[in-house]
Amino acid sequence: MKKGTLIFNAIVAVAIIVLFVLHFCTKNNACKNTSAAAGSGNGKNNFRIAYFDMDSVQSNYAFYKEVAKELTESEQKKRSELMNKKNDNANKLKEYQEKGASMSQTDMAKAQQDLAQRDRDYQMAEQMKASEMQDESFKKLHEVKKRIEDYLKDYNKDKGFSYIITNSSEIIYYKDSAYNITNDIIKGLNELYKKK
């Protein structure tokens, strides 16, 4: 019985050793093959990332500045329209207050209904203007983004970057300035914008 257990233990020990050897040999070969595949491509690394500062693009890209100006003007116009409506409502309230003592019960009820309706109209106008502003901003900023994307596709044809990203302090914690292409992006976008 002891011989059977001893033989069984010896077979299990040999099997474990064989499995370890096979495991580590396979893993090393896979690593060698992976590194060979990653290094192929005429001896240079094919994975490159570049970045640009979106703040600088926003400050220096003429089309973006034009869009920002249009959005600011549109927002000011909408705020002015709302302010006029609010002032009209305040003037109407003041008018009703001045007539207050001389108004009949029915006139007071009508005045309250009128003021309530004016308040609802103002709130609806405010929501509508906010929605219009949000839609307008989204469309305009999407157009800016699309132009930048289109330019980057063209720009990268001969640069060979795998990724071109915009840096943000919440996303990128370290960056090597050797791969900063912000000035190229701004120059190219502005030249393209002048042509259009």
C-alpha atoms as a PDB file:
ATOM      1  CA  MET A   1       0.000   0.000   0.000  1.00  0.00           C
ATOM      2  CA  LYS A   2       2.872   2.329   0.859  1.00  0.00           C
ATOM      3  CA  LYS A   3       4.537   1.572  -2.475  1.00  0.00           C
ATOM      4  CA  GLY A   4       1.318   2.458  -4.383  1.00  0.00           C
ATOM      5  CA  THR A   5       0.991   5.796  -2.543  1.00  0.00           C
ATOM      6  CA  LEU A   6       4.657   6.540  -3.115  1.00  0.00           C
ATOM      7  CA  ILE A   7       4.380   5.785  -6.846  1.00  0.00           C
ATOM      8  CA  PHE A   8       1.199   7.869  -7.108  1.00  0.00           C
ATOM      9  CA  ASN A   9       2.874  10.841  -5.345  1.00  0.00           C
ATOM     10  CA  ALA A  10       5.922  10.538  -7.602  1.00  0.00           C
ATOM     11  CA  ILE A  11       3.703  10.587 -10.723  1.00  0.00           C
ATOM     12  CA  VAL A  12       1.783  13.626  -9.437  1.00  0.00           C
ATOM     13  CA  ALA A  13       5.062  15.447  -8.617  1.00  0.00           C
ATOM     14  CA  VAL A  14       6.437  14.745 -12.116  1.00  0.00           C
ATOM     15  CA  ALA A  15       3.158  15.903 -13.692  1.00  0.00           C
ATOM     16  CA  ILE A  16       3.258  19.148 -11.700  1.00  0.00           C
ATOM     17  CA  ILE A  17       6.864  19.792 -12.740  1.00  0.00           C
ATOM     18  CA  VAL A  18       5.998  19.109 -16.403  1.00  0.00           C
ATOM     19  CA  LEU A  19       3.010  21.493 -16.202  1.00  0.00           C
ATOM     20  CA  PHE A  20       5.166  24.264 -14.690  1.00  0.00           C
ATOM     21  CA  VAL A  21       7.836  23.824 -17.354  1.00  0.00           C
ATOM     22  CA  LEU A  22       5.246  23.840 -20.161  1.00  0.00           C
ATOM     23  CA  HIS A  23       3.483  26.848 -18.662  1.00  0.00           C
ATOM     24  CA  PHE A  24       6.582  29.017 -18.390  1.00  0.00           C
ATOM     25  CA  CYS A  25       8.009  27.946 -21.753  1.00  0.00           C
ATOM     26  CA  THR A  26       4.721  28.736 -23.497  1.00  0.00           C
ATOM     27  CA  LYS A  27       4.469  32.086 -21.717  1.00  0.00           C
ATOM     28  CA  ASN A  28       8.028  33.117 -22.692  1.00  0.00           C
ATOM     29  CA  ASN A  29       7.474  32.137 -26.336  1.00  0.00           C
ATOM     30  CA  ALA A  30       4.240  34.111 -26.402  1.00  0.00           C
ATOM     31  CA  CYS A  31       6.023  37.120 -24.949  1.00  0.00           C
ATOM     32  CA  LYS A  32       8.799  36.820 -27.537  1.00  0.00           C
ATOM     33  CA  ASN A  33       6.238  36.556 -30.351  1.00  0.00           C
ATOM     34  CA  THR A  34       4.256  39.517 -29.019  1.00  0.00           C
ATOM     35  CA  SER A  35       7.312  41.742 -28.732  1.00  0.00           C
ATOM     36  CA  ALA A  36       8.426  40.706 -32.212  1.00  0.00           C
ATOM     37  CA  ALA A  37       5.018  41.597 -33.632  1.00  0.00           C
ATOM     38  CA  ALA A  38       4.943  44.941 -31.823  1.00  0.00           C
ATOM     39  CA  GLY A  39       8.432  45.788 -33.031  1.00  0.00           C
ATOM     40  CA  SER A  40       7.765  44.842 -36.646  1.00  0.00           C
ATOM     41  CA  GLY A  41       7.015  47.504 -39.180  1.00  0.00           C
ATOM     42  CA  ASN A  42      10.406  48.413 -40.594  1.00  0.00           C
ATOM     43  CA  GLY A  43      12.050  48.518 -37.168  1.00  0.00           C
ATOM     44  CA  LYS A  44      10.123  51.453 -35.763  1.00  0.00           C
ATOM     45  CA  ASN A  45       7.320  51.664 -33.244  1.00  0.00           C
ATOM     46  CA  ASN A  46       3.984  52.163 -35.022  1.00  0.00           C
ATOM     47  CA  PHE A  47       2.079  53.388 -31.968  1.00  0.00           C
ATOM     48  CA  ARG A  48       2.404  57.151 -31.530  1.00  0.00           C
ATOM     49  CA  ILE A  49       0.206  59.613 -29.690  1.00  0.00           C
ATOM     50  CA  ALA A  50       0.162  63.384 -30.115  1.00  0.00           C
ATOM     51  CA  TYR A  51      -1.848  65.961 -28.231  1.00  0.00           C
ATOM     52  CA  PHE A  52      -2.962  69.556 -28.503  1.00  0.00           C
ATOM     53  CA  ASP A  53      -4.153  72.130 -25.985  1.00  0.00           C
ATOM     54  CA  MET A  54      -7.827  72.834 -26.565  1.00  0.00           C
ATOM     55  CA  ASP A  55      -7.575  76.065 -24.546  1.00  0.00           C
ATOM     56  CA  SER A  56      -4.978  77.361 -27.000  1.00  0.00           C
ATOM     57  CA  VAL A  57      -7.107  76.313 -29.967  1.00  0.00           C
ATOM     58  CA  GLN A  58     -10.116  78.098 -28.452  1.00  0.00           C
ATOM     59  CA  SER A  59      -8.023  81.228 -27.895  1.00  0.00           C
ATOM     60  CA  ASN A  60      -6.366  81.293 -31.316  1.00  0.00           C
ATOM     61  CA  TYR A  61      -8.629  79.542 -33.847  1.00  0.00           C
ATOM     62  CA  ALA A  62     -10.454  82.299 -35.757  1.00  0.00           C
ATOM     63  CA  PHE A  63     -13.536  80.190 -36.513  1.00  0.00           C
ATOM     64  CA  TYR A  64     -13.934  79.209 -32.855  1.00  0.00           C
ATOM     65  CA  LYS A  65     -13.655  82.862 -31.798  1.00  0.00           C
ATOM     66  CA  GLU A  66     -16.321  83.783 -34.381  1.00  0.00           C
ATOM     67  CA  VAL A  67     -18.633  81.031 -33.116  1.00  0.00           C
ATOM     68  CA  ALA A  68     -18.079  82.083 -29.486  1.00  0.00           C
ATOM     69  CA  LYS A  69     -18.899  85.684 -30.404  1.00  0.00           C
ATOM     70  CA  GLU A  70     -22.084  84.620 -32.230  1.00  0.00           C
ATOM     71  CA  LEU A  71     -23.179  82.506 -29.261  1.00  0.00           C
ATOM     72  CA  THR A  72     -22.509  85.343 -26.815  1.00  0.00           C
ATOM     73  CA  GLU A  73     -24.481  87.811 -28.954  1.00  0.00           C
ATOM     74  CA  SER A  74     -27.344  85.349 -29.331  1.00  0.00           C
ATOM     75  CA  GLU A  75     -27.428  84.717 -25.584  1.00  0.00           C
ATOM     76  CA  GLN A  76     -27.421  88.456 -24.849  1.00  0.00           C
ATOM     77  CA  LYS A  77     -30.297  88.979 -27.298  1.00  0.00           C
ATOM     78  CA  LYS A  78     -32.327  86.204 -25.671  1.00  0.00           C
ATOM     79  CA  ARG A  79     -31.611  87.576 -22.184  1.00  0.00           C
ATOM     80  CA  SER A  80     -32.649  91.053 -23.343  1.00  0.00           C
ATOM     81  CA  GLU A  81     -35.938  89.687 -24.725  1.00  0.00           C
ATOM     82  CA  LEU A  82     -36.611  87.923 -21.441  1.00  0.00           C
ATOM     83  CA  MET A  83     -35.734  91.045 -19.451  1.00  0.00           C
ATOM     84  CA  ASN A  84     -38.191  93.086 -21.531  1.00  0.00           C
ATOM     85  CA  LYS A  85     -40.909  90.510 -20.873  1.00  0.00           C
ATOM     86  CA  LYS A  86     -40.088  90.524 -17.152  1.00  0.00           C
ATOM     87  CA  ASN A  87     -40.198  94.344 -17.066  1.00  0.00           C
ATOM     88  CA  ASP A  88     -43.573  94.327 -18.859  1.00  0.00           C
ATOM     89  CA  ASN A  89     -44.901  91.934 -16.216  1.00  0.00           C
ATOM     90  CA  ALA A  90     -43.539  94.125 -13.406  1.00  0.00           C
ATOM     91  CA  ASN A  91     -45.124  97.236 -14.973  1.00  0.00           C
ATOM     92  CA  LYS A  92     -48.466  95.432 -15.302  1.00  0.00           C
ATOM     93  CA  LEU A  93     -48.283  94.363 -11.626  1.00  0.00           C
ATOM     94  CA  LYS A  94     -47.540  97.963 -10.621  1.00  0.00           C
ATOM     95  CA  GLU A  95     -50.484  99.170 -12.711  1.00  0.00           C
ATOM     96  CA  TYR A  96     -52.826  96.699 -11.012  1.00  0.00           C
ATOM     97  CA  GLN A  97     -51.488  97.683  -7.597  1.00  0.00           C
ATOM     98  CA  GLU A  98     -52.149 101.353  -8.316  1.00  0.00           C
ATOM     99  CA  LYS A  99     -55.738 100.531  -9.344  1.00  0.00           C
ATOM    100  CA  GLY A 100     -56.108  98.092  -6.426  1.00  0.00           C
ATOM    101  CA  ALA A 101     -58.455 100.149  -4.215  1.00  0.00           C
ATOM    102  CA  SER A 102     -60.735 101.149  -7.077  1.00  0.00           C
ATOM    103  CA  MET A 103     -60.984  97.657  -8.632  1.00  0.00           C
ATOM    104  CA  SER A 104     -64.069  95.507  -8.207  1.00  0.00           C
ATOM    105  CA  GLN A 105     -63.909  91.904  -7.026  1.00  0.00           C
ATOM    106  CA  THR A 106     -64.264  90.665 -10.639  1.00  0.00           C
ATOM    107  CA  ASP A 107     -61.587  93.052 -11.872  1.00  0.00           C
ATOM    108  CA  MET A 108     -59.218  91.802  -9.134  1.00  0.00           C
ATOM    109  CA  ALA A 109     -59.888  88.182 -10.115  1.00  0.00           C
ATOM    110  CA  LYS A 110     -59.216  89.022 -13.776  1.00  0.00           C
ATOM    111  CA  ALA A 111     -56.031  90.862 -12.777  1.00  0.00           C
ATOM    112  CA  GLN A 112     -54.814  87.840 -10.777  1.00  0.00           C
ATOM    113  CA  GLN A 113     -55.540  85.547 -13.714  1.00  0.00           C
ATOM    114  CA  ASP A 114     -53.752  87.931 -16.069  1.00  0.00           C
ATOM    115  CA  LEU A 115     -50.699  88.094 -13.787  1.00  0.00           C
ATOM    116  CA  ALA A 116     -50.669  84.298 -13.368  1.00  0.00           C
ATOM    117  CA  GLN A 117     -50.887  83.847 -17.151  1.00  0.00           C
ATOM    118  CA  ARG A 118     -48.095  86.387 -17.684  1.00  0.00           C
ATOM    119  CA  ASP A 119     -45.954  84.516 -15.166  1.00  0.00           C
ATOM    120  CA  ARG A 120     -46.596  81.179 -16.954  1.00  0.00           C
ATOM    121  CA  ASP A 121     -45.831  82.803 -20.320  1.00  0.00           C
ATOM    122  CA  TYR A 122     -42.566  84.189 -18.936  1.00  0.00           C
ATOM    123  CA  GLN A 123     -41.524  80.807 -17.519  1.00  0.00           C
ATOM    124  CA  MET A 124     -42.323  79.086 -20.826  1.00  0.00           C
ATOM    125  CA  ALA A 125     -40.394  81.747 -22.757  1.00  0.00           C
ATOM    126  CA  GLU A 126     -37.451  81.341 -20.364  1.00  0.00           C
ATOM    127  CA  GLN A 127     -37.423  77.557 -20.858  1.00  0.00           C
ATOM    128  CA  MET A 128     -37.798  77.942 -24.612  1.00  0.00           C
ATOM    129  CA  LYS A 129     -34.917  80.453 -24.822  1.00  0.00           C
ATOM    130  CA  ALA A 130     -32.703  78.200 -22.684  1.00  0.00           C
ATOM    131  CA  SER A 131     -33.513  75.225 -24.915  1.00  0.00           C
ATOM    132  CA  GLU A 132     -32.850  77.273 -28.075  1.00  0.00           C
ATOM    133  CA  MET A 133     -29.546  78.458 -26.639  1.00  0.00           C
ATOM    134  CA  GLN A 134     -28.515  74.925 -25.709  1.00  0.00           C
ATOM    135  CA  ASP A 135     -29.406  73.610 -29.183  1.00  0.00           C
ATOM    136  CA  GLU A 136     -27.612  76.477 -30.896  1.00  0.00           C
ATOM    137  CA  SER A 137     -24.502  75.989 -28.748  1.00  0.00           C
ATOM    138  CA  PHE A 138     -24.498  72.254 -29.393  1.00  0.00           C
ATOM    139  CA  LYS A 139     -24.799  72.705 -33.162  1.00  0.00           C
ATOM    140  CA  LYS A 140     -22.157  75.421 -33.380  1.00  0.00           C
ATOM    141  CA  LEU A 141     -19.659  73.636 -31.127  1.00  0.00           C
ATOM    142  CA  HIS A 142     -20.289  70.388 -32.980  1.00  0.00           C
ATOM    143  CA  GLU A 143     -19.425  72.226 -36.200  1.00  0.00           C
ATOM    144  CA  VAL A 144     -16.161  73.443 -34.627  1.00  0.00           C
ATOM    145  CA  LYS A 145     -15.377  69.897 -33.438  1.00  0.00           C
ATOM    146  CA  LYS A 146     -16.146  68.481 -36.896  1.00  0.00           C
ATOM    147  CA  ARG A 147     -13.820  70.985 -38.578  1.00  0.00           C
ATOM    148  CA  ILE A 148     -11.026  70.118 -36.137  1.00  0.00           C
ATOM    149  CA  GLU A 149     -11.587  66.380 -36.708  1.00  0.00           C
ATOM    150  CA  ASP A 150     -11.582  66.818 -40.491  1.00  0.00           C
ATOM    151  CA  TYR A 151      -8.416  68.882 -40.337  1.00  0.00           C
ATOM    152  CA  LEU A 152      -6.713  66.318 -38.070  1.00  0.00           C
ATOM    153  CA  LYS A 153      -7.517  63.501 -40.521  1.00  0.00           C
ATOM    154  CA  ASP A 154      -5.795  65.480 -43.260  1.00  0.00           C
ATOM    155  CA  TYR A 155      -2.955  66.613 -40.974  1.00  0.00           C
ATOM    156  CA  ASN A 156      -2.216  63.046 -39.848  1.00  0.00           C
ATOM    157  CA  LYS A 157      -1.937  61.555 -43.327  1.00  0.00           C
ATOM    158  CA  ASP A 158       1.845  61.931 -43.303  1.00  0.00           C
ATOM    159  CA  LYS A 159       2.465  62.188 -39.542  1.00  0.00           C
ATOM    160  CA  GLY A 160       1.571  58.595 -38.617  1.00  0.00           C
ATOM    161  CA  PHE A 161       0.019  59.173 -35.192  1.00  0.00           C
ATOM    162  CA  SER A 162      -2.219  56.412 -33.857  1.00  0.00           C
ATOM    163  CA  TYR A 163      -4.088  58.895 -31.659  1.00  0.00           C
ATOM    164  CA  ILE A 164      -4.327  62.668 -31.525  1.00  0.00           C
ATOM    165  CA  ILE A 165      -5.997  63.796 -28.344  1.00  0.00           C
ATOM    166  CA  THR A 166      -6.705  67.041 -26.595  1.00  0.00           C
ATOM    167  CA  ASN A 167      -5.181  67.292 -23.178  1.00  0.00           C
ATOM    168  CA  SER A 168      -7.168  67.992 -20.071  1.00  0.00           C
ATOM    169  CA  SER A 169      -5.893  68.148 -16.522  1.00  0.00           C
ATOM    170  CA  GLU A 170      -8.645  65.728 -15.461  1.00  0.00           C
ATOM    171  CA  ILE A 171      -7.524  63.113 -17.988  1.00  0.00           C
ATOM    172  CA  ILE A 172      -3.808  63.526 -18.642  1.00  0.00           C
ATOM    173  CA  TYR A 173      -1.407  63.664 -15.725  1.00  0.00           C
ATOM    174  CA  TYR A 174       1.836  63.727 -17.679  1.00  0.00           C
ATOM    175  CA  LYS A 175       2.712  64.896 -21.155  1.00  0.00           C
ATOM    176  CA  ASP A 176       5.961  65.159 -23.065  1.00  0.00           C
ATOM    177  CA  SER A 177       6.027  68.476 -24.910  1.00  0.00           C
ATOM    178  CA  ALA A 178       7.847  66.805 -27.816  1.00  0.00           C
ATOM    179  CA  TYR A 179       4.458  65.494 -28.952  1.00  0.00           C
ATOM    180  CA  ASN A 180       2.588  68.798 -28.541  1.00  0.00           C
ATOM    181  CA  ILE A 181       1.165  69.694 -31.956  1.00  0.00           C
ATOM    182  CA  THR A 182      -0.988  72.637 -30.798  1.00  0.00           C
ATOM    183  CA  ASN A 183       0.772  75.292 -32.886  1.00  0.00           C
ATOM    184  CA  ASP A 184       0.546  73.132 -36.027  1.00  0.00           C
ATOM    185  CA  ILE A 185      -3.164  72.598 -35.405  1.00  0.00           C
ATOM    186  CA  ILE A 186      -3.916  76.293 -34.838  1.00  0.00           C
ATOM    187  CA  LYS A 187      -1.896  77.378 -37.871  1.00  0.00           C
ATOM    188  CA  GLY A 188      -3.490  74.782 -40.151  1.00  0.00           C
ATOM    189  CA  LEU A 189      -7.037  75.403 -38.922  1.00  0.00           C
ATOM    190  CA  ASN A 190      -6.700  79.161 -39.390  1.00  0.00           C
ATOM    191  CA  GLU A 191      -5.259  78.731 -42.886  1.00  0.00           C
ATOM    192  CA  LEU A 192      -8.098  76.385 -43.788  1.00  0.00           C
ATOM    193  CA  TYR A 193     -10.670  78.803 -42.344  1.00  0.00           C
ATOM    194  CA  LYS A 194      -9.250  81.730 -44.356  1.00  0.00           C
ATOM    195  CA  LYS A 195      -9.574  79.680 -47.552  1.00  0.00           C
ATOM    196  CA  LYS A 196     -13.243  78.954 -46.818  1.00  0.00           C
END
